[in-house]
C-alpha atoms as a PDB file:
ATOM      1  CA  MET A   1     -13.307  -7.750   6.670  1.00  0.00           C
ATOM      2  CA  ASN A   2     -12.375  -7.907  10.379  1.00  0.00           C
ATOM      3  CA  ASP A   3     -14.247  -6.574  13.383  1.00  0.00           C
ATOM      4  CA  GLU A   4     -11.600  -4.268  14.370  1.00  0.00           C
ATOM      5  CA  ARG A   5     -11.662  -2.171  10.982  1.00  0.00           C
ATOM      6  CA  ILE A   6     -11.993   1.203  11.381  1.00  0.00           C
ATOM      7  CA  ARG A   7     -15.462   2.908   9.841  1.00  0.00           C
ATOM      8  CA  GLY A   8     -15.906   5.781   8.065  1.00  0.00           C
ATOM      9  CA  GLU A   9     -16.151   6.155   4.694  1.00  0.00           C
ATOM     10  CA  ALA A  10     -13.618   5.226   1.701  1.00  0.00           C
ATOM     11  CA  PRO A  11     -13.091   7.944  -0.980  1.00  0.00           C
ATOM     12  CA  GLY A  12     -14.329   6.128  -3.386  1.00  0.00           C
ATOM     13  CA  ARG A  13     -14.770   1.969  -5.159  1.00  0.00           C
ATOM     14  CA  VAL A  14     -13.492   0.879  -8.643  1.00  0.00           C
ATOM     15  CA  GLN A  15     -15.127  -2.543  -9.401  1.00  0.00           C
ATOM     16  CA  GLY A  16     -13.030  -5.069 -11.071  1.00  0.00           C
ATOM     17  CA  ALA A  17     -11.488  -8.315 -11.094  1.00  0.00           C
ATOM     18  CA  PRO A  18      -8.177  -8.596  -8.968  1.00  0.00           C
ATOM     19  CA  THR A  19      -5.253  -8.600 -11.482  1.00  0.00           C
ATOM     20  CA  ARG A  20      -1.281  -9.014 -11.782  1.00  0.00           C
ATOM     21  CA  ASP A  21      -0.983  -5.057 -12.041  1.00  0.00           C
ATOM     22  CA  GLY A  22      -4.446  -3.457 -11.162  1.00  0.00           C
ATOM     23  CA  GLN A  23      -4.649  -2.439 -15.070  1.00  0.00           C
ATOM     24  CA  SER A  24      -8.589  -4.084 -15.263  1.00  0.00           C
ATOM     25  CA  ALA A  25      -9.787  -1.053 -12.534  1.00  0.00           C
ATOM     26  CA  GLY A  26     -11.913   1.372 -14.393  1.00  0.00           C
ATOM     27  CA  GLY A  27     -11.730   5.193 -13.891  1.00  0.00           C
ATOM     28  CA  SER A  28      -8.255   7.435 -14.029  1.00  0.00           C
ATOM     29  CA  ALA A  29      -5.089   6.332 -12.384  1.00  0.00           C
ATOM     30  CA  VAL A  30      -3.446   8.360  -9.545  1.00  0.00           C
ATOM     31  CA  LEU A  31      -0.210   6.554 -10.600  1.00  0.00           C
ATOM     32  CA  ARG A  32       0.900   4.470 -13.639  1.00  0.00           C
ATOM     33  CA  ALA A  33       4.390   2.562 -14.101  1.00  0.00           C
ATOM     34  CA  ASP A  34       5.252   0.548 -16.424  1.00  0.00           C
ATOM     35  CA  GLY A  35       8.079  -1.956 -16.522  1.00  0.00           C
ATOM     36  CA  LEU A  36       9.797  -0.012 -13.725  1.00  0.00           C
ATOM     37  CA  GLY A  37      12.972  -0.644 -11.936  1.00  0.00           C
ATOM     38  CA  LYS A  38      15.525   0.463  -9.985  1.00  0.00           C
ATOM     39  CA  ARG A  39      19.067  -1.031  -9.648  1.00  0.00           C
ATOM     40  CA  TYR A  40      21.546  -0.219  -6.952  1.00  0.00           C
ATOM     41  CA  GLY A  41      24.943  -2.146  -8.119  1.00  0.00           C
ATOM     42  CA  ARG A  42      24.261  -5.338  -9.469  1.00  0.00           C
ATOM     43  CA  ARG A  43      20.926  -5.714  -6.869  1.00  0.00           C
ATOM     44  CA  TRP A  44      17.229  -4.906  -8.175  1.00  0.00           C
ATOM     45  CA  ALA A  45      15.433  -3.067  -5.277  1.00  0.00           C
ATOM     46  CA  LEU A  46      12.482  -3.181  -8.189  1.00  0.00           C
ATOM     47  CA  SER A  47      12.045  -5.174 -11.193  1.00  0.00           C
ATOM     48  CA  ASP A  48      10.069  -4.695 -14.005  1.00  0.00           C
ATOM     49  CA  CYS A  49       6.935  -2.885 -11.899  1.00  0.00           C
ATOM     50  CA  THR A  50       3.423  -2.794 -14.355  1.00  0.00           C
ATOM     51  CA  LEU A  51       1.029  -1.087 -12.029  1.00  0.00           C
ATOM     52  CA  THR A  52      -2.333   1.140 -12.039  1.00  0.00           C
ATOM     53  CA  ILE A  53      -3.385   2.693  -9.132  1.00  0.00           C
ATOM     54  CA  PRO A  54      -6.617   4.231  -9.433  1.00  0.00           C
ATOM     55  CA  ALA A  55      -7.910   7.103  -8.186  1.00  0.00           C
ATOM     56  CA  GLY A  56      -9.950   7.401  -4.856  1.00  0.00           C
ATOM     57  CA  HIS A  57      -9.160   4.463  -3.226  1.00  0.00           C
ATOM     58  CA  VAL A  58      -6.965   4.343   0.273  1.00  0.00           C
ATOM     59  CA  VAL A  59      -4.808   1.589  -1.161  1.00  0.00           C
ATOM     60  CA  GLY A  60      -2.662  -0.282   0.611  1.00  0.00           C
ATOM     61  CA  LEU A  61       1.171  -1.452  -0.659  1.00  0.00           C
ATOM     62  CA  VAL A  62       2.263  -4.695   1.109  1.00  0.00           C
ATOM     63  CA  GLY A  63       4.766  -7.223   1.428  1.00  0.00           C
ATOM     64  CA  PRO A  64       7.635  -8.197   3.563  1.00  0.00           C
ATOM     65  CA  ASN A  65      10.558  -6.289   4.261  1.00  0.00           C
ATOM     66  CA  GLY A  66      12.819  -6.023   0.950  1.00  0.00           C
ATOM     67  CA  ALA A  67       9.785  -6.295  -1.459  1.00  0.00           C
ATOM     68  CA  GLY A  68      10.753  -3.440  -3.483  1.00  0.00           C
ATOM     69  CA  LYS A  69       8.097  -0.707  -1.203  1.00  0.00           C
ATOM     70  CA  THR A  70      10.019   1.953  -0.573  1.00  0.00           C
ATOM     71  CA  THR A  71      11.847   1.881  -3.859  1.00  0.00           C
ATOM     72  CA  LEU A  72       8.334   2.394  -5.567  1.00  0.00           C
ATOM     73  CA  LEU A  73       7.620   4.976  -3.784  1.00  0.00           C
ATOM     74  CA  GLN A  74      10.721   7.254  -3.633  1.00  0.00           C
ATOM     75  CA  LEU A  75      10.513   6.440  -7.540  1.00  0.00           C
ATOM     76  CA  ALA A  76       6.718   8.010  -7.266  1.00  0.00           C
ATOM     77  CA  VAL A  77       7.796  11.117  -5.294  1.00  0.00           C
ATOM     78  CA  GLY A  78      10.841  11.677  -7.244  1.00  0.00           C
ATOM     79  CA  LEU A  79      13.136  10.841  -4.832  1.00  0.00           C
ATOM     80  CA  VAL A  80      15.271   8.453  -7.013  1.00  0.00           C
ATOM     81  CA  ALA A  81      14.803   7.882 -10.757  1.00  0.00           C
ATOM     82  CA  PRO A  82      14.219   4.804 -12.223  1.00  0.00           C
ATOM     83  CA  THR A  83      16.932   2.408 -14.113  1.00  0.00           C
ATOM     84  CA  ALA A  84      14.384   1.264 -16.281  1.00  0.00           C
ATOM     85  CA  GLY A  85      10.916   1.688 -17.365  1.00  0.00           C
ATOM     86  CA  THR A  86       8.722   4.773 -16.680  1.00  0.00           C
ATOM     87  CA  VAL A  87       6.568   6.182 -13.952  1.00  0.00           C
ATOM     88  CA  THR A  88       4.037   9.401 -14.404  1.00  0.00           C
ATOM     89  CA  VAL A  89       2.148   9.896 -10.824  1.00  0.00           C
ATOM     90  CA  LEU A  90      -1.463  12.278 -11.606  1.00  0.00           C
ATOM     91  CA  GLY A  91      -0.696  12.208 -15.223  1.00  0.00           C
ATOM     92  CA  GLY A  92       3.022  13.471 -14.705  1.00  0.00           C
ATOM     93  CA  ARG A  93       6.180  12.691 -14.158  1.00  0.00           C
ATOM     94  CA  PRO A  94       7.159  12.814 -10.716  1.00  0.00           C
ATOM     95  CA  ALA A  95       8.391  16.113  -9.019  1.00  0.00           C
ATOM     96  CA  GLU A  96       8.571  17.437 -12.458  1.00  0.00           C
ATOM     97  CA  GLY A  97       8.275  21.270 -11.051  1.00  0.00           C
ATOM     98  CA  PRO A  98       6.278  23.231  -8.302  1.00  0.00           C
ATOM     99  CA  ALA A  99       3.088  22.545  -9.668  1.00  0.00           C
ATOM    100  CA  GLN A 100       3.305  18.625  -9.566  1.00  0.00           C
ATOM    101  CA  LEU A 101       5.153  18.914  -6.381  1.00  0.00           C
ATOM    102  CA  ALA A 102       2.112  20.672  -4.765  1.00  0.00           C
ATOM    103  CA  ARG A 103      -0.463  18.029  -5.939  1.00  0.00           C
ATOM    104  CA  VAL A 104       1.561  15.137  -3.988  1.00  0.00           C
ATOM    105  CA  GLY A 105       1.863  14.989  -0.275  1.00  0.00           C
ATOM    106  CA  PHE A 106       4.189  12.463   1.250  1.00  0.00           C
ATOM    107  CA  VAL A 107       5.286  10.885   4.703  1.00  0.00           C
ATOM    108  CA  ALA A 108       8.165   9.189   4.071  1.00  0.00           C
ATOM    109  CA  GLN A 109       8.951   5.855   6.681  1.00  0.00           C
ATOM    110  CA  ASP A 110      10.713   7.587   9.616  1.00  0.00           C
ATOM    111  CA  THR A 111       8.326  10.610   9.664  1.00  0.00           C
ATOM    112  CA  PRO A 112      11.356  13.070   8.928  1.00  0.00           C
ATOM    113  CA  THR A 113      10.905  16.451  11.287  1.00  0.00           C
ATOM    114  CA  TYR A 114      13.264  19.126  12.711  1.00  0.00           C
ATOM    115  CA  ALA A 115      14.238  18.134  16.302  1.00  0.00           C
ATOM    116  CA  GLY A 116      15.167  21.550  17.291  1.00  0.00           C
ATOM    117  CA  LEU A 117      12.194  23.788  15.289  1.00  0.00           C
ATOM    118  CA  SER A 118       8.497  23.645  17.199  1.00  0.00           C
ATOM    119  CA  ILE A 119       5.688  22.429  16.062  1.00  0.00           C
ATOM    120  CA  ALA A 120       4.682  26.041  15.145  1.00  0.00           C
ATOM    121  CA  ASP A 121       7.762  26.663  13.264  1.00  0.00           C
ATOM    122  CA  HIS A 122       6.991  23.285  10.747  1.00  0.00           C
ATOM    123  CA  LEU A 123       3.611  25.134  10.031  1.00  0.00           C
ATOM    124  CA  ARG A 124       5.306  28.295   8.863  1.00  0.00           C
ATOM    125  CA  PHE A 125       7.579  26.798   7.529  1.00  0.00           C
ATOM    126  CA  GLY A 126       5.389  24.431   5.384  1.00  0.00           C
ATOM    127  CA  ALA A 127       3.645  27.468   4.991  1.00  0.00           C
ATOM    128  CA  ARG A 128       5.862  29.309   3.518  1.00  0.00           C
ATOM    129  CA  LEU A 129       6.994  26.420   0.749  1.00  0.00           C
ATOM    130  CA  ASN A 130       3.547  25.385  -0.540  1.00  0.00           C
ATOM    131  CA  HIS A 131       0.807  28.060  -2.358  1.00  0.00           C
ATOM    132  CA  ARG A 132      -1.665  25.761  -1.255  1.00  0.00           C
ATOM    133  CA  TRP A 133      -1.448  25.719   2.002  1.00  0.00           C
ATOM    134  CA  ASP A 134      -4.269  25.628   4.454  1.00  0.00           C
ATOM    135  CA  GLY A 135      -3.086  26.941   7.882  1.00  0.00           C
ATOM    136  CA  ASP A 136      -6.442  27.398   9.753  1.00  0.00           C
ATOM    137  CA  ALA A 137      -6.709  23.248   8.620  1.00  0.00           C
ATOM    138  CA  ALA A 138      -3.253  22.733  10.059  1.00  0.00           C
ATOM    139  CA  ARG A 139      -3.683  24.750  13.018  1.00  0.00           C
ATOM    140  CA  ARG A 140      -7.115  23.126  13.567  1.00  0.00           C
ATOM    141  CA  ARG A 141      -5.472  19.467  13.447  1.00  0.00           C
ATOM    142  CA  ILE A 142      -2.914  20.218  15.850  1.00  0.00           C
ATOM    143  CA  GLU A 143      -5.438  21.720  18.383  1.00  0.00           C
ATOM    144  CA  GLN A 144      -7.324  18.625  17.709  1.00  0.00           C
ATOM    145  CA  LEU A 145      -4.684  16.542  18.696  1.00  0.00           C
ATOM    146  CA  GLY A 146      -4.035  18.027  21.562  1.00  0.00           C
ATOM    147  CA  LEU A 147      -0.157  19.182  20.996  1.00  0.00           C
ATOM    148  CA  ASP A 148       1.147  22.571  22.123  1.00  0.00           C
ATOM    149  CA  PRO A 149       2.274  24.557  18.929  1.00  0.00           C
ATOM    150  CA  ARG A 150       5.581  25.673  21.239  1.00  0.00           C
ATOM    151  CA  GLN A 151       6.531  22.172  21.550  1.00  0.00           C
ATOM    152  CA  ARG A 152       9.873  20.952  19.793  1.00  0.00           C
ATOM    153  CA  ALA A 153       9.311  18.256  17.742  1.00  0.00           C
ATOM    154  CA  GLY A 154      12.548  16.462  19.297  1.00  0.00           C
ATOM    155  CA  LYS A 155      10.201  16.232  22.412  1.00  0.00           C
ATOM    156  CA  LEU A 156       7.496  14.675  20.735  1.00  0.00           C
ATOM    157  CA  SER A 157       6.853  10.647  20.940  1.00  0.00           C
ATOM    158  CA  GLY A 158       6.949   8.733  17.989  1.00  0.00           C
ATOM    159  CA  GLY A 159       2.936   8.863  17.312  1.00  0.00           C
ATOM    160  CA  GLN A 160       3.281  12.738  17.772  1.00  0.00           C
ATOM    161  CA  ARG A 161       5.760  13.225  15.246  1.00  0.00           C
ATOM    162  CA  ALA A 162       4.174  10.551  13.203  1.00  0.00           C
ATOM    163  CA  GLN A 163       0.721  13.189  13.546  1.00  0.00           C
ATOM    164  CA  LEU A 164       3.010  16.235  12.919  1.00  0.00           C
ATOM    165  CA  ALA A 165       4.424  14.615   9.611  1.00  0.00           C
ATOM    166  CA  LEU A 166       0.641  13.931   8.295  1.00  0.00           C
ATOM    167  CA  THR A 167      -0.622  17.588   9.144  1.00  0.00           C
ATOM    168  CA  LEU A 168       2.358  18.703   7.164  1.00  0.00           C
ATOM    169  CA  ALA A 169       1.444  16.547   4.511  1.00  0.00           C
ATOM    170  CA  VAL A 170      -2.757  17.328   4.358  1.00  0.00           C
ATOM    171  CA  ALA A 171      -2.210  20.884   5.276  1.00  0.00           C
ATOM    172  CA  LYS A 172      -0.718  21.380   1.130  1.00  0.00           C
ATOM    173  CA  ARG A 173      -4.452  19.843  -0.087  1.00  0.00           C
ATOM    174  CA  PRO A 174      -2.664  17.414  -2.209  1.00  0.00           C
ATOM    175  CA  GLU A 175      -4.728  15.325  -4.233  1.00  0.00           C
ATOM    176  CA  LEU A 176      -2.469  11.973  -3.659  1.00  0.00           C
ATOM    177  CA  LEU A 177      -1.018  11.353  -0.728  1.00  0.00           C
ATOM    178  CA  ILE A 178       1.600   8.661  -0.371  1.00  0.00           C
ATOM    179  CA  LEU A 179       2.738   7.413   3.322  1.00  0.00           C
ATOM    180  CA  ASP A 180       5.992   4.930   3.175  1.00  0.00           C
ATOM    181  CA  GLU A 181       5.382   2.695   6.509  1.00  0.00           C
ATOM    182  CA  PRO A 182       4.570   6.301   8.692  1.00  0.00           C
ATOM    183  CA  VAL A 183       3.236   3.569  11.422  1.00  0.00           C
ATOM    184  CA  ALA A 184       5.762   0.733  11.815  1.00  0.00           C
ATOM    185  CA  SER A 185       7.705   2.230  14.943  1.00  0.00           C
ATOM    186  CA  LEU A 186       4.312   3.474  16.472  1.00  0.00           C
ATOM    187  CA  ASP A 187       2.832   1.322  19.340  1.00  0.00           C
ATOM    188  CA  PRO A 188      -0.588  -0.542  18.881  1.00  0.00           C
ATOM    189  CA  LEU A 189      -2.293   2.202  20.342  1.00  0.00           C
ATOM    190  CA  ALA A 190      -0.721   5.090  18.332  1.00  0.00           C
ATOM    191  CA  ARG A 191      -0.750   3.204  15.363  1.00  0.00           C
ATOM    192  CA  ARG A 192      -4.546   2.998  15.528  1.00  0.00           C
ATOM    193  CA  GLU A 193      -5.320   6.440  16.323  1.00  0.00           C
ATOM    194  CA  PHE A 194      -2.480   7.607  13.257  1.00  0.00           C
ATOM    195  CA  LEU A 195      -4.998   5.272  11.075  1.00  0.00           C
ATOM    196  CA  ALA A 196      -7.917   6.830  12.367  1.00  0.00           C
ATOM    197  CA  ASN A 197      -6.865   9.951  11.414  1.00  0.00           C
ATOM    198  CA  LEU A 198      -5.872   9.232   8.412  1.00  0.00           C
ATOM    199  CA  LEU A 199      -8.915   7.821   7.063  1.00  0.00           C
ATOM    200  CA  GLU A 200     -10.705  10.843   8.323  1.00  0.00           C
ATOM    201  CA  VAL A 201      -8.677  13.026   6.041  1.00  0.00           C
ATOM    202  CA  ALA A 202      -8.893  10.741   3.249  1.00  0.00           C
ATOM    203  CA  ALA A 203     -12.785  11.418   3.671  1.00  0.00           C
ATOM    204  CA  ASP A 204     -12.780  14.806   4.344  1.00  0.00           C
ATOM    205  CA  GLN A 205     -10.331  15.670   1.546  1.00  0.00           C
ATOM    206  CA  ARG A 206     -11.555  13.406  -0.990  1.00  0.00           C
ATOM    207  CA  VAL A 207      -8.038  12.635  -1.368  1.00  0.00           C
ATOM    208  CA  SER A 208      -6.019   9.135  -3.253  1.00  0.00           C
ATOM    209  CA  VAL A 209      -3.969   7.463  -0.569  1.00  0.00           C
ATOM    210  CA  VAL A 210      -1.043   4.512  -1.233  1.00  0.00           C
ATOM    211  CA  LEU A 211      -0.039   3.381   2.090  1.00  0.00           C
ATOM    212  CA  SER A 212       2.837   0.995   2.558  1.00  0.00           C
ATOM    213  CA  SER A 213       2.786  -1.416   5.148  1.00  0.00           C
ATOM    214  CA  HIS A 214       4.002  -5.335   5.773  1.00  0.00           C
ATOM    215  CA  LEU A 215       1.293  -5.367   8.445  1.00  0.00           C
ATOM    216  CA  VAL A 216      -2.124  -6.354   6.790  1.00  0.00           C
ATOM    217  CA  ALA A 217      -3.851  -6.522  10.011  1.00  0.00           C
ATOM    218  CA  ASP A 218      -3.112  -2.535   9.676  1.00  0.00           C
ATOM    219  CA  LEU A 219      -3.945  -2.200   6.023  1.00  0.00           C
ATOM    220  CA  ASP A 220      -7.692  -4.401   6.309  1.00  0.00           C
ATOM    221  CA  ARG A 221      -8.456  -1.798   8.873  1.00  0.00           C
ATOM    222  CA  VAL A 222      -8.159   1.141   6.544  1.00  0.00           C
ATOM    223  CA  CYS A 223      -7.631   0.199   2.619  1.00  0.00           C
ATOM    224  CA  ASP A 224     -10.354  -0.439   0.275  1.00  0.00           C
ATOM    225  CA  TYR A 225      -7.582  -1.462  -2.652  1.00  0.00           C
ATOM    226  CA  VAL A 226      -4.531  -4.076  -2.099  1.00  0.00           C
ATOM    227  CA  VAL A 227      -1.722  -4.547  -4.451  1.00  0.00           C
ATOM    228  CA  VAL A 228       0.527  -7.036  -3.074  1.00  0.00           C
ATOM    229  CA  LEU A 229       4.598  -6.770  -3.675  1.00  0.00           C
ATOM    230  CA  ALA A 230       6.831  -9.556  -3.620  1.00  0.00           C
ATOM    231  CA  THR A 231      10.419 -10.192  -4.701  1.00  0.00           C
ATOM    232  CA  SER A 232      11.090  -6.719  -6.361  1.00  0.00           C
ATOM    233  CA  ARG A 233       7.386  -7.356  -8.567  1.00  0.00           C
ATOM    234  CA  VAL A 234       3.781  -6.716  -8.301  1.00  0.00           C
ATOM    235  CA  GLN A 235       1.770 -10.105  -7.126  1.00  0.00           C
ATOM    236  CA  VAL A 236      -2.236  -9.372  -7.117  1.00  0.00           C
ATOM    237  CA  ALA A 237      -3.992  -6.069  -6.883  1.00  0.00           C
ATOM    238  CA  GLY A 238      -7.606  -4.942  -6.789  1.00  0.00           C
ATOM    239  CA  THR A 239     -10.234  -3.978  -4.141  1.00  0.00           C
ATOM    240  CA  ILE A 240     -10.030  -5.886  -1.472  1.00  0.00           C
ATOM    241  CA  GLU A 241     -14.131  -6.654  -1.641  1.00  0.00           C
ATOM    242  CA  THR A 242     -13.206  -8.427  -4.777  1.00  0.00           C
ATOM    243  CA  LEU A 243      -9.695 -10.041  -3.537  1.00  0.00           C
ATOM    244  CA  LEU A 244     -12.150 -11.908  -1.392  1.00  0.00           C
ATOM    245  CA  ALA A 245     -14.919 -12.309  -3.495  1.00  0.00           C
ATOM    246  CA  THR A 246     -12.213 -14.680  -5.960  1.00  0.00           C
ATOM    247  CA  HIS A 247     -10.321 -16.193  -3.816  1.00  0.00           C
ATOM    248  CA  PHE A 248     -11.416 -19.563  -1.435  1.00  0.00           C
ATOM    249  CA  ARG A 249      -9.632 -22.439   0.127  1.00  0.00           C
ATOM    250  CA  LEU A 250     -10.725 -25.950  -0.844  1.00  0.00           C
ATOM    251  CA  THR A 251     -10.055 -29.418   0.957  1.00  0.00           C
ATOM    252  CA  GLY A 252     -10.498 -32.677  -0.223  1.00  0.00           C
ATOM    253  CA  THR A 253      -9.434 -35.937   0.742  1.00  0.00           C
ATOM    254  CA  GLY A 254      -6.470 -37.854  -0.896  1.00  0.00           C
ATOM    255  CA  ARG A 255      -3.896 -35.893  -3.337  1.00  0.00           C
ATOM    256  CA  GLY A 256      -6.740 -34.874  -5.953  1.00  0.00           C
ATOM    257  CA  GLU A 257      -6.046 -31.814  -7.988  1.00  0.00           C
ATOM    258  CA  PRO A 258      -8.639 -28.770  -7.914  1.00  0.00           C
ATOM    259  CA  PRO A 259     -10.874 -28.184 -10.887  1.00  0.00           C
ATOM    260  CA  ALA A 260      -8.992 -26.504 -14.132  1.00  0.00           C
ATOM    261  CA  ASP A 261     -10.706 -23.547 -13.933  1.00  0.00           C
ATOM    262  CA  GLN A 262      -9.217 -23.100 -10.492  1.00  0.00           C
ATOM    263  CA  GLN A 263      -5.989 -20.795 -10.071  1.00  0.00           C
ATOM    264  CA  ILE A 264      -3.925 -22.461  -7.647  1.00  0.00           C
ATOM    265  CA  ILE A 265      -2.283 -20.048  -5.286  1.00  0.00           C
ATOM    266  CA  GLU A 266      -0.933 -21.961  -2.652  1.00  0.00           C
ATOM    267  CA  ALA A 267      -1.645 -25.787  -2.087  1.00  0.00           C
ATOM    268  CA  HIS A 268      -0.418 -28.129   1.187  1.00  0.00           C
ATOM    269  CA  ARG A 269      -0.892 -31.557   0.594  1.00  0.00           C
ATOM    270  CA  THR A 270      -0.554 -34.624   3.076  1.00  0.00           C
ATOM    271  CA  ALA A 271      -1.144 -38.136   3.280  1.00  0.00           C
ATOM    272  CA  ARG A 272      -5.077 -37.744   3.592  1.00  0.00           C
ATOM    273  CA  THR A 273      -5.822 -34.320   2.336  1.00  0.00           C
ATOM    274  CA  SER A 274      -5.109 -31.443   0.005  1.00  0.00           C
ATOM    275  CA  THR A 275      -5.646 -28.121   0.920  1.00  0.00           C
ATOM    276  CA  PHE A 276      -5.107 -25.366  -1.629  1.00  0.00           C
ATOM    277  CA  VAL A 277      -5.894 -21.183  -2.131  1.00  0.00           C
ATOM    278  CA  VAL A 278      -7.289 -20.618  -5.226  1.00  0.00           C
ATOM    279  CA  ARG A 279      -8.823 -17.587  -7.248  1.00  0.00           C
ATOM    280  CA  ALA A 280     -11.345 -18.216  -9.679  1.00  0.00           C
ATOM    281  CA  ASP A 281     -14.991 -16.053 -10.418  1.00  0.00           C
ATOM    282  CA  ALA A 282     -16.815 -18.416  -8.571  1.00  0.00           C
ATOM    283  CA  ALA A 283     -16.657 -21.224  -5.871  1.00  0.00           C
ATOM    284  CA  PRO A 284     -16.358 -24.706  -7.466  1.00  0.00           C
ATOM    285  CA  GLY A 285     -19.883 -26.433  -7.006  1.00  0.00           C
ATOM    286  CA  ASP A 286     -17.744 -29.839  -6.876  1.00  0.00           C
ATOM    287  CA  PRO A 287     -19.222 -31.757  -3.416  1.00  0.00           C
ATOM    288  CA  ALA A 288     -15.743 -33.455  -3.907  1.00  0.00           C
ATOM    289  CA  TRP A 289     -14.382 -30.143  -1.881  1.00  0.00           C
ATOM    290  CA  THR A 290     -15.352 -28.310   0.937  1.00  0.00           C
ATOM    291  CA  VAL A 291     -15.202 -24.321   0.315  1.00  0.00           C
ATOM    292  CA  GLU A 292     -14.251 -21.832   2.748  1.00  0.00           C
ATOM    293  CA  PRO A 293     -13.542 -18.349   2.746  1.00  0.00           C
ATOM    294  CA  VAL A 294     -10.112 -16.646   3.207  1.00  0.00           C
ATOM    295  CA  THR A 295      -9.189 -13.583   4.842  1.00  0.00           C
ATOM    296  CA  LEU A 296      -7.276 -10.620   3.109  1.00  0.00           C
ATOM    297  CA  GLU A 297      -3.998 -12.094   5.316  1.00  0.00           C
ATOM    298  CA  GLU A 298      -4.749 -15.318   4.165  1.00  0.00           C
ATOM    299  CA  VAL A 299      -5.031 -14.118   0.415  1.00  0.00           C
ATOM    300  CA  VAL A 300      -1.630 -11.442   0.700  1.00  0.00           C
ATOM    301  CA  LEU A 301       0.439 -14.831   2.452  1.00  0.00           C
ATOM    302  CA  ALA A 302      -0.432 -16.935  -0.573  1.00  0.00           C
ATOM    303  CA  TYR A 303       0.681 -14.810  -2.944  1.00  0.00           C
ATOM    304  CA  MET A 304       4.083 -14.064  -1.114  1.00  0.00           C
ATOM    305  CA  LYS A 305       4.572 -17.891  -0.691  1.00  0.00           C
ATOM    306  CA  GLN A 306       4.114 -18.150  -4.328  1.00  0.00           C
ATOM    307  CA  ALA A 307       5.648 -15.337  -5.256  1.00  0.00           C
ATOM    308  CA  HIS A 308       9.058 -16.623  -2.830  1.00  0.00           C
ATOM    309  CA  GLY A 309       8.895 -19.863  -4.563  1.00  0.00           C
ATOM    310  CA  ALA A 310       8.991 -18.645  -7.576  1.00  0.00           C
ATOM    311  CA  GLY A 311      11.728 -16.183  -6.720  1.00  0.00           C
ATOM    312  CA  ASP A 312      13.661 -18.913  -5.544  1.00  0.00           C
ATOM    313  CA  GLU A 313      13.592 -20.464  -9.355  1.00  0.00           C
ATOM    314  CA  ARG A 314      14.205 -17.807 -11.085  1.00  0.00           C
ATOM    315  CA  ALA A 315      17.606 -17.566  -9.042  1.00  0.00           C
ATOM    316  CA  ALA A 316      18.306 -21.094  -9.753  1.00  0.00           C
ATOM    317  CA  ARG A 317      18.074 -21.001 -13.955  1.00  0.00           C
ATOM    318  CA  ALA A 318      20.248 -17.578 -13.252  1.00  0.00           C
ATOM    319  CA  GLU A 319      22.851 -19.398 -11.686  1.00  0.00           C
ATOM    320  CA  ALA A 320      22.559 -22.480 -14.197  1.00  0.00           C
ATOM    321  CA  ARG A 321      23.015 -19.794 -16.917  1.00  0.00           C
ATOM    322  CA  ALA A 322      25.923 -18.313 -15.057  1.00  0.00           C
END
């Protein structure tokens, strides 16, 4: 991990090798998708998504803009219905009824609040809508943040609105907290404060968290499990610890190929050297290769590049068949 990782206790650890869908991880699951897809007109925003997200983690859902992150999370909270496949959250259908709704907290990408209502109005509104509402915790959190309950939401800064939205989500005492790029529009300091608060909530309430972002550095600070989504498909999923332990950078002379048991994720060749990001159970012992560790960002970018190339090939094949 990098030195700027926000310190704190992660809700839990699940061991297991990284997979394309996360299904090798043990324990219960907060989210399961099987062949999940969502189409708008002729465009698939999410396609053939098969994924298992284990409980007890702060999970980072990472991918480029347009990868399908928002669509997946909207399907998970029941804002949209799938075109294909199935999704279950905490063992039930998304937004199936009041009991299921109470188990999930959601902060949307634009951290929506009511501009004309005060912070206190928002808390009262939350109390009326949520039977498990923890009013004391909500008021205490607003006080710790230094916010004036009389202040209207429309007068708050972006970071303050994000903190208010997080307060509303956690005060309902959910089992799963889902956040769709809540810090995308915040400045670096506000982003860091929000993520630090999120980690405290995850540890204090023992709540599972799924947080989407296209900023790997943010996820590296707070998450212990990562799902890489690109070209509307899951590319790899696993604990950060396992991902870093099973991916390596190999550098060798000439244009040779890595050992057969090394899965090539990314390749860069010149006339004199060849460099690969590979996936393997252990680092190769061949002295012909210089083996180096990789960062989480390098792993994520390697899978994104691989997916982009595969997407181009799929599009070409589809065009040839048309």
